[in-house]
Amino acid sequence: MEQPATQLARLLAERAEDVCRHFLSNGRREGRYWLVGDASNSPGRSLYLRLVDAPDGRGRAGKWTDAQNGDHGDLLDIIAATRATRSMRETLDEARRFLRLPAQPPIDPPKKRPARAKSSGTPEAAAKLFAASGPIAGTIVAAYLRNRAITELPGIQTLRYHPRCWYRPSEDDAPDTRTSWPAMIAAVTDDHDQITGVHRTWLDPARADKAPVAAPRRAMGHLLGHGVRFGRAGSVMAFGEGLETTASLRSIMPAMPMIAGLSAAHLAAIAFPPALRRLYVARDDDPAGTIAMKALAERAEAAGIEFVPLGPRLGDFNEDLRLLGADHLRAFVLPQLGADDRQRFIAPSG
């Protein structure tokens, strides 16, 4: 007998373009594919979703891949990401509403759907890559961060340097694209400090900037619910969407533990540490960030955690740090903190 998730994924695939127009409205059709920025409906062309079965049977309608980070999945995963659902039951209910099917509450507790690999590679391969990397001091990684005004970063052991990290060219890369570049390797860990994945940023040694490839950032391993951690979890923490956003805040709040989620969808799904009581959230100002912020706020309220959004003056906190300086960023963030957190976490100027 066909399982509910399998049946709904098949029905969604039969209406793949309708699903995309509804849940991935920032994308557009090109030939047999729907192109969009990511699974959270950001504008762009990184994610490509097949709208019809391939004639040779090698590709099925509804299947998608994000060329930027290697994420892949089906239309149920798209619904989960765009609606920031918190369980498979919520995802299936959302799919039934779209398909105008009656709700079917299970008599027995639903079986958990096997987690999809949200990126290429395994936790074991990720841990091996991190172990093969070294400290960033004096390397291109330090120069890359310095170019972004990130020079003071307690918890820097989360980030490492690999001199020759393999890069798999995509269809968008030039035929002669190099397959080995220096890279910043960030450990993705769970609440027990176990590595579940890594995030790679390939770098160009000639410019101390991202490498000139189609996808200079990719993740591998298991990311959902986890993140790149700076400092040990506590009762007060900050979550951020991107590495540089989180690192910029960490540079002026070195005592506050922080977690970078690496994408809006992953930010929304990060597991709350048991001791967490107040959560500051810095996000990128885009539709995907708005969805993530809403999902986190709802989850925090349900868990009895105080939720406090943090906003930059310019486009994001790294832009504030680079263009306005640490003193300005410090002064701008200070009044957004709770009164009892200001002296505790904000680093003094100078």
C-alpha atoms as a PDB file:
ATOM      1  CA  MET A   1       0.000   0.000   0.000  1.00  0.00           C
ATOM      2  CA  GLU A   2       1.326   3.411  -0.983  1.00  0.00           C
ATOM      3  CA  GLN A   3       2.442   5.508   2.006  1.00  0.00           C
ATOM      4  CA  PRO A   4       0.738   8.939   2.456  1.00  0.00           C
ATOM      5  CA  ALA A   5       3.955  10.880   1.856  1.00  0.00           C
ATOM      6  CA  THR A   6       4.733   8.885  -1.295  1.00  0.00           C
ATOM      7  CA  GLN A   7       1.199   9.334  -2.596  1.00  0.00           C
ATOM      8  CA  LEU A   8       1.172  13.092  -1.967  1.00  0.00           C
ATOM      9  CA  ALA A   9       4.618  13.543  -3.533  1.00  0.00           C
ATOM     10  CA  ARG A  10       3.345  11.736  -6.637  1.00  0.00           C
ATOM     11  CA  LEU A  11       0.169  13.847  -6.826  1.00  0.00           C
ATOM     12  CA  LEU A  12       2.180  17.025  -6.405  1.00  0.00           C
ATOM     13  CA  ALA A  13       4.589  15.932  -9.154  1.00  0.00           C
ATOM     14  CA  GLU A  14       1.634  15.495 -11.523  1.00  0.00           C
ATOM     15  CA  ARG A  15       0.916  19.200 -10.971  1.00  0.00           C
ATOM     16  CA  ALA A  16       4.527  20.325 -10.655  1.00  0.00           C
ATOM     17  CA  GLU A  17       4.158  23.634 -12.470  1.00  0.00           C
ATOM     18  CA  ASP A  18       1.052  24.578 -10.448  1.00  0.00           C
ATOM     19  CA  VAL A  19       2.945  23.763  -7.254  1.00  0.00           C
ATOM     20  CA  CYS A  20       5.857  25.937  -8.365  1.00  0.00           C
ATOM     21  CA  ARG A  21       3.640  28.867  -9.286  1.00  0.00           C
ATOM     22  CA  HIS A  22       2.051  28.682  -5.835  1.00  0.00           C
ATOM     23  CA  PHE A  23       5.018  27.939  -3.560  1.00  0.00           C
ATOM     24  CA  LEU A  24       7.949  29.189  -5.678  1.00  0.00           C
ATOM     25  CA  SER A  25       6.363  32.352  -7.053  1.00  0.00           C
ATOM     26  CA  ASN A  26       9.711  34.176  -7.316  1.00  0.00           C
ATOM     27  CA  GLY A  27      10.881  31.740 -10.002  1.00  0.00           C
ATOM     28  CA  ARG A  28       9.905  31.134 -13.591  1.00  0.00           C
ATOM     29  CA  ARG A  29       9.610  28.353 -16.125  1.00  0.00           C
ATOM     30  CA  GLU A  30      12.431  27.779 -18.592  1.00  0.00           C
ATOM     31  CA  GLY A  31      11.828  24.816 -20.873  1.00  0.00           C
ATOM     32  CA  ARG A  32      11.222  21.705 -18.795  1.00  0.00           C
ATOM     33  CA  TYR A  33      12.451  23.302 -15.578  1.00  0.00           C
ATOM     34  CA  TRP A  34      11.360  25.830 -12.976  1.00  0.00           C
ATOM     35  CA  LEU A  35      14.247  28.065 -11.872  1.00  0.00           C
ATOM     36  CA  VAL A  36      14.356  29.941  -8.560  1.00  0.00           C
ATOM     37  CA  GLY A  37      16.942  31.063  -6.013  1.00  0.00           C
ATOM     38  CA  ASP A  38      16.471  28.350  -3.396  1.00  0.00           C
ATOM     39  CA  ALA A  39      13.934  26.064  -1.734  1.00  0.00           C
ATOM     40  CA  SER A  40      12.639  28.971   0.363  1.00  0.00           C
ATOM     41  CA  ASN A  41      11.511  30.898  -2.747  1.00  0.00           C
ATOM     42  CA  SER A  42      14.302  33.451  -2.896  1.00  0.00           C
ATOM     43  CA  PRO A  43      14.757  35.172  -6.277  1.00  0.00           C
ATOM     44  CA  GLY A  44      17.513  33.706  -8.428  1.00  0.00           C
ATOM     45  CA  ARG A  45      18.381  30.748 -10.637  1.00  0.00           C
ATOM     46  CA  SER A  46      20.351  28.384  -8.397  1.00  0.00           C
ATOM     47  CA  LEU A  47      17.586  25.826  -7.848  1.00  0.00           C
ATOM     48  CA  TYR A  48      16.227  23.941 -10.853  1.00  0.00           C
ATOM     49  CA  LEU A  49      13.127  21.761 -10.555  1.00  0.00           C
ATOM     50  CA  ARG A  50      12.029  19.323 -13.250  1.00  0.00           C
ATOM     51  CA  LEU A  51       8.436  19.942 -14.375  1.00  0.00           C
ATOM     52  CA  VAL A  52       8.009  16.810 -16.503  1.00  0.00           C
ATOM     53  CA  ASP A  53       9.511  13.332 -16.524  1.00  0.00           C
ATOM     54  CA  ALA A  54      12.642  13.010 -18.634  1.00  0.00           C
ATOM     55  CA  PRO A  55      12.043  11.015 -21.853  1.00  0.00           C
ATOM     56  CA  ASP A  56      14.895   8.638 -20.999  1.00  0.00           C
ATOM     57  CA  GLY A  57      13.556   8.030 -17.489  1.00  0.00           C
ATOM     58  CA  ARG A  58      16.599   9.526 -15.767  1.00  0.00           C
ATOM     59  CA  GLY A  59      14.736  12.425 -14.184  1.00  0.00           C
ATOM     60  CA  ARG A  60      11.320  12.587 -12.522  1.00  0.00           C
ATOM     61  CA  ALA A  61       8.921  15.509 -12.364  1.00  0.00           C
ATOM     62  CA  GLY A  62       8.996  17.294  -9.017  1.00  0.00           C
ATOM     63  CA  LYS A  63      12.637  16.488  -8.292  1.00  0.00           C
ATOM     64  CA  TRP A  64      14.966  19.454  -7.743  1.00  0.00           C
ATOM     65  CA  THR A  65      18.596  20.319  -7.067  1.00  0.00           C
ATOM     66  CA  ASP A  66      20.152  23.538  -5.747  1.00  0.00           C
ATOM     67  CA  ALA A  67      23.400  24.023  -7.661  1.00  0.00           C
ATOM     68  CA  GLN A  68      24.745  26.423  -5.040  1.00  0.00           C
ATOM     69  CA  ASN A  69      24.851  24.042  -2.109  1.00  0.00           C
ATOM     70  CA  GLY A  70      23.947  20.595  -3.425  1.00  0.00           C
ATOM     71  CA  ASP A  71      20.554  20.440  -1.661  1.00  0.00           C
ATOM     72  CA  HIS A  72      18.010  18.230  -3.406  1.00  0.00           C
ATOM     73  CA  GLY A  73      14.582  16.797  -2.790  1.00  0.00           C
ATOM     74  CA  ASP A  74      10.970  16.658  -3.954  1.00  0.00           C
ATOM     75  CA  LEU A  75       7.943  18.930  -3.794  1.00  0.00           C
ATOM     76  CA  LEU A  76       7.144  17.992  -0.196  1.00  0.00           C
ATOM     77  CA  ASP A  77      10.543  19.424   0.730  1.00  0.00           C
ATOM     78  CA  ILE A  78       9.639  22.633  -1.141  1.00  0.00           C
ATOM     79  CA  ILE A  79       6.416  22.937   0.850  1.00  0.00           C
ATOM     80  CA  ALA A  80       8.299  22.311   4.102  1.00  0.00           C
ATOM     81  CA  ALA A  81      10.869  25.007   3.289  1.00  0.00           C
ATOM     82  CA  THR A  82       8.516  27.700   1.998  1.00  0.00           C
ATOM     83  CA  ARG A  83       5.969  27.219   4.760  1.00  0.00           C
ATOM     84  CA  ALA A  84       8.580  26.523   7.468  1.00  0.00           C
ATOM     85  CA  THR A  85       6.585  23.547   8.722  1.00  0.00           C
ATOM     86  CA  ARG A  86       7.772  21.978  11.953  1.00  0.00           C
ATOM     87  CA  SER A  87       6.857  18.364  11.310  1.00  0.00           C
ATOM     88  CA  MET A  88       6.060  15.947   8.498  1.00  0.00           C
ATOM     89  CA  ARG A  89       2.408  16.001   9.629  1.00  0.00           C
ATOM     90  CA  GLU A  90       2.234  19.762   9.019  1.00  0.00           C
ATOM     91  CA  THR A  91       3.891  19.351   5.621  1.00  0.00           C
ATOM     92  CA  LEU A  92       1.439  16.641   4.543  1.00  0.00           C
ATOM     93  CA  ASP A  93      -1.516  18.722   5.763  1.00  0.00           C
ATOM     94  CA  GLU A  94      -0.255  21.701   3.738  1.00  0.00           C
ATOM     95  CA  ALA A  95       0.074  19.463   0.663  1.00  0.00           C
ATOM     96  CA  ARG A  96      -3.479  18.168   1.118  1.00  0.00           C
ATOM     97  CA  ARG A  97      -4.807  21.713   1.387  1.00  0.00           C
ATOM     98  CA  PHE A  98      -3.097  22.648  -1.868  1.00  0.00           C
ATOM     99  CA  LEU A  99      -4.430  19.536  -3.608  1.00  0.00           C
ATOM    100  CA  ARG A 100      -7.873  20.113  -2.033  1.00  0.00           C
ATOM    101  CA  LEU A 101      -7.854  16.687  -0.468  1.00  0.00           C
ATOM    102  CA  PRO A 102      -9.631  15.951   2.818  1.00  0.00           C
ATOM    103  CA  ALA A 103      -7.523  15.912   5.952  1.00  0.00           C
ATOM    104  CA  GLN A 104      -6.670  12.374   6.996  1.00  0.00           C
ATOM    105  CA  PRO A 105      -5.598  12.248  10.645  1.00  0.00           C
ATOM    106  CA  PRO A 106      -3.832   8.938  11.231  1.00  0.00           C
ATOM    107  CA  ILE A 107      -5.257   6.432  13.656  1.00  0.00           C
ATOM    108  CA  ASP A 108      -1.770   5.394  14.746  1.00  0.00           C
ATOM    109  CA  PRO A 109       1.107   7.811  15.378  1.00  0.00           C
ATOM    110  CA  PRO A 110       2.621   8.677  11.998  1.00  0.00           C
ATOM    111  CA  LYS A 111       5.920   7.168  11.083  1.00  0.00           C
ATOM    112  CA  LYS A 112       8.628   9.735  10.740  1.00  0.00           C
ATOM    113  CA  ARG A 113       9.621  10.201   7.129  1.00  0.00           C
ATOM    114  CA  PRO A 114      13.313   9.375   6.629  1.00  0.00           C
ATOM    115  CA  ALA A 115      15.283  12.592   6.642  1.00  0.00           C
ATOM    116  CA  ARG A 116      16.513  13.636   3.225  1.00  0.00           C
ATOM    117  CA  ALA A 117      20.113  14.564   2.829  1.00  0.00           C
ATOM    118  CA  LYS A 118      19.939  18.327   2.465  1.00  0.00           C
ATOM    119  CA  SER A 119      23.400  18.465   0.980  1.00  0.00           C
ATOM    120  CA  SER A 120      25.884  16.177  -0.665  1.00  0.00           C
ATOM    121  CA  GLY A 121      28.204  14.091   1.469  1.00  0.00           C
ATOM    122  CA  THR A 122      27.806  12.499   4.882  1.00  0.00           C
ATOM    123  CA  PRO A 123      28.575  13.614   8.448  1.00  0.00           C
ATOM    124  CA  GLU A 124      31.552  11.253   8.406  1.00  0.00           C
ATOM    125  CA  ALA A 125      32.948  12.823   5.236  1.00  0.00           C
ATOM    126  CA  ALA A 126      32.321  16.298   6.697  1.00  0.00           C
ATOM    127  CA  ALA A 127      34.176  15.432   9.908  1.00  0.00           C
ATOM    128  CA  LYS A 128      37.071  14.041   7.883  1.00  0.00           C
ATOM    129  CA  LEU A 129      37.321  17.242   5.831  1.00  0.00           C
ATOM    130  CA  PHE A 130      37.243  19.400   8.961  1.00  0.00           C
ATOM    131  CA  ALA A 131      39.935  17.275  10.604  1.00  0.00           C
ATOM    132  CA  ALA A 132      42.116  17.643   7.498  1.00  0.00           C
ATOM    133  CA  SER A 133      41.886  21.443   7.732  1.00  0.00           C
ATOM    134  CA  GLY A 134      44.056  23.693   9.871  1.00  0.00           C
ATOM    135  CA  PRO A 135      43.966  26.965  11.841  1.00  0.00           C
ATOM    136  CA  ILE A 136      43.137  30.103   9.876  1.00  0.00           C
ATOM    137  CA  ALA A 137      45.787  32.414  11.360  1.00  0.00           C
ATOM    138  CA  GLY A 138      48.040  33.792   8.613  1.00  0.00           C
ATOM    139  CA  THR A 139      46.012  32.162   5.824  1.00  0.00           C
ATOM    140  CA  ILE A 140      43.789  33.410   3.045  1.00  0.00           C
ATOM    141  CA  VAL A 141      40.788  32.719   5.290  1.00  0.00           C
ATOM    142  CA  ALA A 142      41.996  35.319   7.772  1.00  0.00           C
ATOM    143  CA  ALA A 143      42.590  37.739   4.885  1.00  0.00           C
ATOM    144  CA  TYR A 144      39.110  37.043   3.497  1.00  0.00           C
ATOM    145  CA  LEU A 145      37.512  37.770   6.877  1.00  0.00           C
ATOM    146  CA  ARG A 146      39.710  40.832   7.363  1.00  0.00           C
ATOM    147  CA  ASN A 147      38.470  42.212   4.045  1.00  0.00           C
ATOM    148  CA  ARG A 148      35.026  42.031   5.599  1.00  0.00           C
ATOM    149  CA  ALA A 149      36.195  43.826   8.748  1.00  0.00           C
ATOM    150  CA  ILE A 150      35.925  40.624  10.804  1.00  0.00           C
ATOM    151  CA  THR A 151      39.134  40.650  12.808  1.00  0.00           C
ATOM    152  CA  GLU A 152      38.017  39.860  16.339  1.00  0.00           C
ATOM    153  CA  LEU A 153      36.181  36.574  16.550  1.00  0.00           C
ATOM    154  CA  PRO A 154      36.259  34.543  19.769  1.00  0.00           C
ATOM    155  CA  GLY A 155      35.289  30.979  18.975  1.00  0.00           C
ATOM    156  CA  ILE A 156      37.351  31.098  15.799  1.00  0.00           C
ATOM    157  CA  GLN A 157      38.108  27.377  16.141  1.00  0.00           C
ATOM    158  CA  THR A 158      34.765  26.823  14.450  1.00  0.00           C
ATOM    159  CA  LEU A 159      36.395  27.991  11.218  1.00  0.00           C
ATOM    160  CA  ARG A 160      39.377  26.312   9.537  1.00  0.00           C
ATOM    161  CA  TYR A 161      41.500  26.556   6.427  1.00  0.00           C
ATOM    162  CA  HIS A 162      41.981  23.932   3.739  1.00  0.00           C
ATOM    163  CA  PRO A 163      44.657  24.723   1.122  1.00  0.00           C
ATOM    164  CA  ARG A 164      43.264  22.504  -1.675  1.00  0.00           C
ATOM    165  CA  CYS A 165      39.589  21.751  -1.230  1.00  0.00           C
ATOM    166  CA  TRP A 166      37.980  19.860  -4.086  1.00  0.00           C
ATOM    167  CA  TYR A 167      35.347  21.772  -6.077  1.00  0.00           C
ATOM    168  CA  ARG A 168      32.892  19.972  -8.345  1.00  0.00           C
ATOM    169  CA  PRO A 169      32.093  22.230 -11.323  1.00  0.00           C
ATOM    170  CA  SER A 170      28.425  22.617 -12.235  1.00  0.00           C
ATOM    171  CA  GLU A 171      26.760  23.200 -15.579  1.00  0.00           C
ATOM    172  CA  ASP A 172      27.119  26.945 -14.985  1.00  0.00           C
ATOM    173  CA  ASP A 173      30.911  26.774 -14.663  1.00  0.00           C
ATOM    174  CA  ALA A 174      33.324  27.329 -17.527  1.00  0.00           C
ATOM    175  CA  PRO A 175      34.791  24.143 -19.051  1.00  0.00           C
ATOM    176  CA  ASP A 176      38.273  24.982 -17.725  1.00  0.00           C
ATOM    177  CA  THR A 177      37.159  25.733 -14.159  1.00  0.00           C
ATOM    178  CA  ARG A 178      39.690  24.581 -11.585  1.00  0.00           C
ATOM    179  CA  THR A 179      38.655  21.717  -9.332  1.00  0.00           C
ATOM    180  CA  SER A 180      40.837  22.675  -6.368  1.00  0.00           C
ATOM    181  CA  TRP A 181      40.810  25.951  -4.428  1.00  0.00           C
ATOM    182  CA  PRO A 182      41.747  27.152  -0.946  1.00  0.00           C
ATOM    183  CA  ALA A 183      38.648  27.149   1.235  1.00  0.00           C
ATOM    184  CA  MET A 184      37.210  28.301   4.544  1.00  0.00           C
ATOM    185  CA  ILE A 185      35.726  25.261   6.260  1.00  0.00           C
ATOM    186  CA  ALA A 186      33.052  25.886   8.915  1.00  0.00           C
ATOM    187  CA  ALA A 187      31.968  23.076  11.225  1.00  0.00           C
ATOM    188  CA  VAL A 188      28.220  22.433  11.490  1.00  0.00           C
ATOM    189  CA  THR A 189      27.504  20.812  14.855  1.00  0.00           C
ATOM    190  CA  ASP A 190      24.632  19.619  17.003  1.00  0.00           C
ATOM    191  CA  ASP A 191      23.919  20.419  20.660  1.00  0.00           C
ATOM    192  CA  HIS A 192      26.501  17.846  21.721  1.00  0.00           C
ATOM    193  CA  ASP A 193      29.307  19.439  19.655  1.00  0.00           C
ATOM    194  CA  GLN A 194      29.266  16.536  17.214  1.00  0.00           C
ATOM    195  CA  ILE A 195      30.033  17.491  13.616  1.00  0.00           C
ATOM    196  CA  THR A 196      27.039  16.811  11.386  1.00  0.00           C
ATOM    197  CA  GLY A 197      28.300  18.705   8.341  1.00  0.00           C
ATOM    198  CA  VAL A 198      30.563  21.459   7.061  1.00  0.00           C
ATOM    199  CA  HIS A 199      30.101  24.629   5.050  1.00  0.00           C
ATOM    200  CA  ARG A 200      32.746  25.389   2.425  1.00  0.00           C
ATOM    201  CA  THR A 201      33.624  28.806   0.987  1.00  0.00           C
ATOM    202  CA  TRP A 202      36.093  28.510  -1.874  1.00  0.00           C
ATOM    203  CA  LEU A 203      38.540  31.420  -2.061  1.00  0.00           C
ATOM    204  CA  ASP A 204      40.664  33.070  -4.738  1.00  0.00           C
ATOM    205  CA  PRO A 205      44.220  33.535  -3.355  1.00  0.00           C
ATOM    206  CA  ALA A 206      44.865  36.372  -5.809  1.00  0.00           C
ATOM    207  CA  ARG A 207      42.076  38.522  -4.364  1.00  0.00           C
ATOM    208  CA  ALA A 208      41.330  37.125  -0.895  1.00  0.00           C
ATOM    209  CA  ASP A 209      37.737  36.941  -2.066  1.00  0.00           C
ATOM    210  CA  LYS A 210      35.361  34.191  -3.102  1.00  0.00           C
ATOM    211  CA  ALA A 211      36.679  32.019  -5.913  1.00  0.00           C
ATOM    212  CA  PRO A 212      35.441  32.840  -9.451  1.00  0.00           C
ATOM    213  CA  VAL A 213      33.187  29.790  -9.694  1.00  0.00           C
ATOM    214  CA  ALA A 214      29.441  29.408 -10.151  1.00  0.00           C
ATOM    215  CA  ALA A 215      28.856  28.172  -6.599  1.00  0.00           C
ATOM    216  CA  PRO A 216      31.596  29.436  -4.240  1.00  0.00           C
ATOM    217  CA  ARG A 217      29.597  28.312  -1.180  1.00  0.00           C
ATOM    218  CA  ARG A 218      28.373  24.783  -0.610  1.00  0.00           C
ATOM    219  CA  ALA A 219      27.485  22.610   2.345  1.00  0.00           C
ATOM    220  CA  MET A 220      27.800  18.893   2.924  1.00  0.00           C
ATOM    221  CA  GLY A 221      26.477  16.550   5.583  1.00  0.00           C
ATOM    222  CA  HIS A 222      23.318  16.880   7.676  1.00  0.00           C
ATOM    223  CA  LEU A 223      22.355  20.527   8.247  1.00  0.00           C
ATOM    224  CA  LEU A 224      18.701  20.557   9.275  1.00  0.00           C
ATOM    225  CA  GLY A 225      18.398  21.553  12.930  1.00  0.00           C
ATOM    226  CA  HIS A 226      22.112  22.305  13.255  1.00  0.00           C
ATOM    227  CA  GLY A 227      24.426  25.241  12.601  1.00  0.00           C
ATOM    228  CA  VAL A 228      27.882  26.791  12.865  1.00  0.00           C
ATOM    229  CA  ARG A 229      28.359  27.627  16.540  1.00  0.00           C
ATOM    230  CA  PHE A 230      30.359  30.412  18.146  1.00  0.00           C
ATOM    231  CA  GLY A 231      30.680  29.850  21.888  1.00  0.00           C
ATOM    232  CA  ARG A 232      28.835  27.415  24.123  1.00  0.00           C
ATOM    233  CA  ALA A 233      25.045  27.438  24.315  1.00  0.00           C
ATOM    234  CA  GLY A 234      23.523  29.437  27.161  1.00  0.00           C
ATOM    235  CA  SER A 235      20.293  30.997  28.362  1.00  0.00           C
ATOM    236  CA  VAL A 236      20.789  33.984  26.050  1.00  0.00           C
ATOM    237  CA  MET A 237      21.872  33.438  22.450  1.00  0.00           C
ATOM    238  CA  ALA A 238      21.770  34.949  18.976  1.00  0.00           C
ATOM    239  CA  PHE A 239      20.897  33.118  15.774  1.00  0.00           C
ATOM    240  CA  GLY A 240      21.891  34.423  12.349  1.00  0.00           C
ATOM    241  CA  GLU A 241      21.213  33.302   8.801  1.00  0.00           C
ATOM    242  CA  GLY A 242      24.682  33.669   7.288  1.00  0.00           C
ATOM    243  CA  LEU A 243      28.228  33.102   8.523  1.00  0.00           C
ATOM    244  CA  GLU A 244      29.350  36.680   7.908  1.00  0.00           C
ATOM    245  CA  THR A 245      26.217  38.195   9.452  1.00  0.00           C
ATOM    246  CA  THR A 246      26.692  36.118  12.590  1.00  0.00           C
ATOM    247  CA  ALA A 247      30.454  36.685  12.739  1.00  0.00           C
ATOM    248  CA  SER A 248      29.935  40.448  12.432  1.00  0.00           C
ATOM    249  CA  LEU A 249      27.627  40.457  15.450  1.00  0.00           C
ATOM    250  CA  ARG A 250      29.995  38.178  17.324  1.00  0.00           C
ATOM    251  CA  SER A 251      32.816  40.676  16.790  1.00  0.00           C
ATOM    252  CA  ILE A 252      30.978  43.281  18.904  1.00  0.00           C
ATOM    253  CA  MET A 253      29.298  40.799  21.270  1.00  0.00           C
ATOM    254  CA  PRO A 254      32.098  38.300  21.965  1.00  0.00           C
ATOM    255  CA  ALA A 255      30.502  36.917  25.116  1.00  0.00           C
ATOM    256  CA  MET A 256      27.146  36.060  23.548  1.00  0.00           C
ATOM    257  CA  PRO A 257      26.877  32.508  22.158  1.00  0.00           C
ATOM    258  CA  MET A 258      25.700  32.453  18.543  1.00  0.00           C
ATOM    259  CA  ILE A 259      24.664  30.023  15.834  1.00  0.00           C
ATOM    260  CA  ALA A 260      24.716  30.605  12.075  1.00  0.00           C
ATOM    261  CA  GLY A 261      22.042  28.634  10.237  1.00  0.00           C
ATOM    262  CA  LEU A 262      23.648  29.058   6.754  1.00  0.00           C
ATOM    263  CA  SER A 263      20.309  29.571   4.961  1.00  0.00           C
ATOM    264  CA  ALA A 264      16.865  30.885   5.809  1.00  0.00           C
ATOM    265  CA  ALA A 265      15.315  27.408   5.755  1.00  0.00           C
ATOM    266  CA  HIS A 266      17.982  25.968   8.025  1.00  0.00           C
ATOM    267  CA  LEU A 267      17.815  29.000  10.334  1.00  0.00           C
ATOM    268  CA  ALA A 268      14.093  28.415  10.822  1.00  0.00           C
ATOM    269  CA  ALA A 269      14.703  24.781  11.781  1.00  0.00           C
ATOM    270  CA  ILE A 270      17.643  25.123  14.214  1.00  0.00           C
ATOM    271  CA  ALA A 271      17.010  23.158  17.399  1.00  0.00           C
ATOM    272  CA  PHE A 272      16.740  25.267  20.544  1.00  0.00           C
ATOM    273  CA  PRO A 273      19.385  24.430  23.176  1.00  0.00           C
ATOM    274  CA  PRO A 274      17.693  23.238  26.395  1.00  0.00           C
ATOM    275  CA  ALA A 275      18.897  26.193  28.507  1.00  0.00           C
ATOM    276  CA  LEU A 276      17.784  28.883  26.028  1.00  0.00           C
ATOM    277  CA  ARG A 277      15.461  31.510  27.496  1.00  0.00           C
ATOM    278  CA  ARG A 278      16.057  34.611  25.340  1.00  0.00           C
ATOM    279  CA  LEU A 279      16.765  34.476  21.620  1.00  0.00           C
ATOM    280  CA  TYR A 280      18.083  37.337  19.495  1.00  0.00           C
ATOM    281  CA  VAL A 281      17.708  36.772  15.769  1.00  0.00           C
ATOM    282  CA  ALA A 282      19.581  38.562  12.987  1.00  0.00           C
ATOM    283  CA  ARG A 283      18.316  37.840   9.506  1.00  0.00           C
ATOM    284  CA  ASP A 284      18.887  38.946   5.945  1.00  0.00           C
ATOM    285  CA  ASP A 285      16.180  41.337   4.754  1.00  0.00           C
ATOM    286  CA  ASP A 286      14.561  39.218   2.038  1.00  0.00           C
ATOM    287  CA  PRO A 287      11.400  37.088   1.635  1.00  0.00           C
ATOM    288  CA  ALA A 288      13.144  33.902   2.778  1.00  0.00           C
ATOM    289  CA  GLY A 289      14.421  35.702   5.884  1.00  0.00           C
ATOM    290  CA  THR A 290      10.922  36.940   6.658  1.00  0.00           C
ATOM    291  CA  ILE A 291       9.558  33.386   6.537  1.00  0.00           C
ATOM    292  CA  ALA A 292      12.397  32.135   8.755  1.00  0.00           C
ATOM    293  CA  MET A 293      11.836  34.941  11.269  1.00  0.00           C
ATOM    294  CA  LYS A 294       8.127  34.147  11.524  1.00  0.00           C
ATOM    295  CA  ALA A 295       8.769  30.433  11.984  1.00  0.00           C
ATOM    296  CA  LEU A 296      11.393  31.039  14.679  1.00  0.00           C
ATOM    297  CA  ALA A 297       9.131  33.494  16.509  1.00  0.00           C
ATOM    298  CA  GLU A 298       6.291  30.958  16.567  1.00  0.00           C
ATOM    299  CA  ARG A 299       8.583  28.173  17.734  1.00  0.00           C
ATOM    300  CA  ALA A 300      10.127  30.373  20.431  1.00  0.00           C
ATOM    301  CA  GLU A 301       6.710  31.434  21.746  1.00  0.00           C
ATOM    302  CA  ALA A 302       5.566  27.817  21.923  1.00  0.00           C
ATOM    303  CA  ALA A 303       8.731  26.909  23.850  1.00  0.00           C
ATOM    304  CA  GLY A 304       8.425  29.821  26.298  1.00  0.00           C
ATOM    305  CA  ILE A 305      11.522  31.568  24.884  1.00  0.00           C
ATOM    306  CA  GLU A 306      11.632  35.353  24.618  1.00  0.00           C
ATOM    307  CA  PHE A 307      12.142  36.320  20.976  1.00  0.00           C
ATOM    308  CA  VAL A 308      14.007  39.541  20.096  1.00  0.00           C
ATOM    309  CA  PRO A 309      14.680  40.504  16.447  1.00  0.00           C
ATOM    310  CA  LEU A 310      17.866  42.428  15.631  1.00  0.00           C
ATOM    311  CA  GLY A 311      18.006  44.704  12.608  1.00  0.00           C
ATOM    312  CA  PRO A 312      20.948  46.392  10.806  1.00  0.00           C
ATOM    313  CA  ARG A 313      21.040  50.008   9.678  1.00  0.00           C
ATOM    314  CA  LEU A 314      22.105  49.078   6.128  1.00  0.00           C
ATOM    315  CA  GLY A 315      21.521  45.866   4.183  1.00  0.00           C
ATOM    316  CA  ASP A 316      22.997  43.456   6.739  1.00  0.00           C
ATOM    317  CA  PHE A 317      25.256  43.476   9.788  1.00  0.00           C
ATOM    318  CA  ASN A 318      28.418  42.816   7.815  1.00  0.00           C
ATOM    319  CA  GLU A 319      27.644  45.775   5.585  1.00  0.00           C
ATOM    320  CA  ASP A 320      27.224  47.889   8.737  1.00  0.00           C
ATOM    321  CA  LEU A 321      30.549  46.622  10.076  1.00  0.00           C
ATOM    322  CA  ARG A 322      32.444  47.202   6.813  1.00  0.00           C
ATOM    323  CA  LEU A 323      30.994  50.559   5.824  1.00  0.00           C
ATOM    324  CA  LEU A 324      30.170  52.171   9.159  1.00  0.00           C
ATOM    325  CA  GLY A 325      32.667  50.525  11.511  1.00  0.00           C
ATOM    326  CA  ALA A 326      32.515  48.514  14.715  1.00  0.00           C
ATOM    327  CA  ASP A 327      31.783  51.510  16.971  1.00  0.00           C
ATOM    328  CA  HIS A 328      28.750  52.475  14.917  1.00  0.00           C
ATOM    329  CA  LEU A 329      27.503  48.885  14.773  1.00  0.00           C
ATOM    330  CA  ARG A 330      27.970  48.578  18.524  1.00  0.00           C
ATOM    331  CA  ALA A 331      26.042  51.787  19.177  1.00  0.00           C
ATOM    332  CA  PHE A 332      23.238  50.753  16.835  1.00  0.00           C
ATOM    333  CA  VAL A 333      22.803  47.253  18.272  1.00  0.00           C
ATOM    334  CA  LEU A 334      23.082  48.319  21.928  1.00  0.00           C
ATOM    335  CA  PRO A 335      19.540  49.768  22.331  1.00  0.00           C
ATOM    336  CA  GLN A 336      18.065  46.688  20.630  1.00  0.00           C
ATOM    337  CA  LEU A 337      19.285  44.468  23.472  1.00  0.00           C
ATOM    338  CA  GLY A 338      17.502  43.885  26.738  1.00  0.00           C
ATOM    339  CA  ALA A 339      18.703  46.206  29.502  1.00  0.00           C
ATOM    340  CA  ASP A 340      20.326  43.378  31.461  1.00  0.00           C
ATOM    341  CA  ASP A 341      22.193  42.141  28.360  1.00  0.00           C
ATOM    342  CA  ARG A 342      23.836  45.412  27.333  1.00  0.00           C
ATOM    343  CA  GLN A 343      26.735  45.490  29.770  1.00  0.00           C
ATOM    344  CA  ARG A 344      26.938  41.714  29.882  1.00  0.00           C
ATOM    345  CA  PHE A 345      27.473  41.144  26.172  1.00  0.00           C
ATOM    346  CA  ILE A 346      28.482  44.301  24.304  1.00  0.00           C
ATOM    347  CA  ALA A 347      32.255  44.652  24.010  1.00  0.00           C
ATOM    348  CA  PRO A 348      33.620  48.122  24.929  1.00  0.00           C
ATOM    349  CA  SER A 349      34.749  50.327  22.059  1.00  0.00           C
ATOM    350  CA  GLY A 350      38.437  50.662  21.222  1.00  0.00           C
END
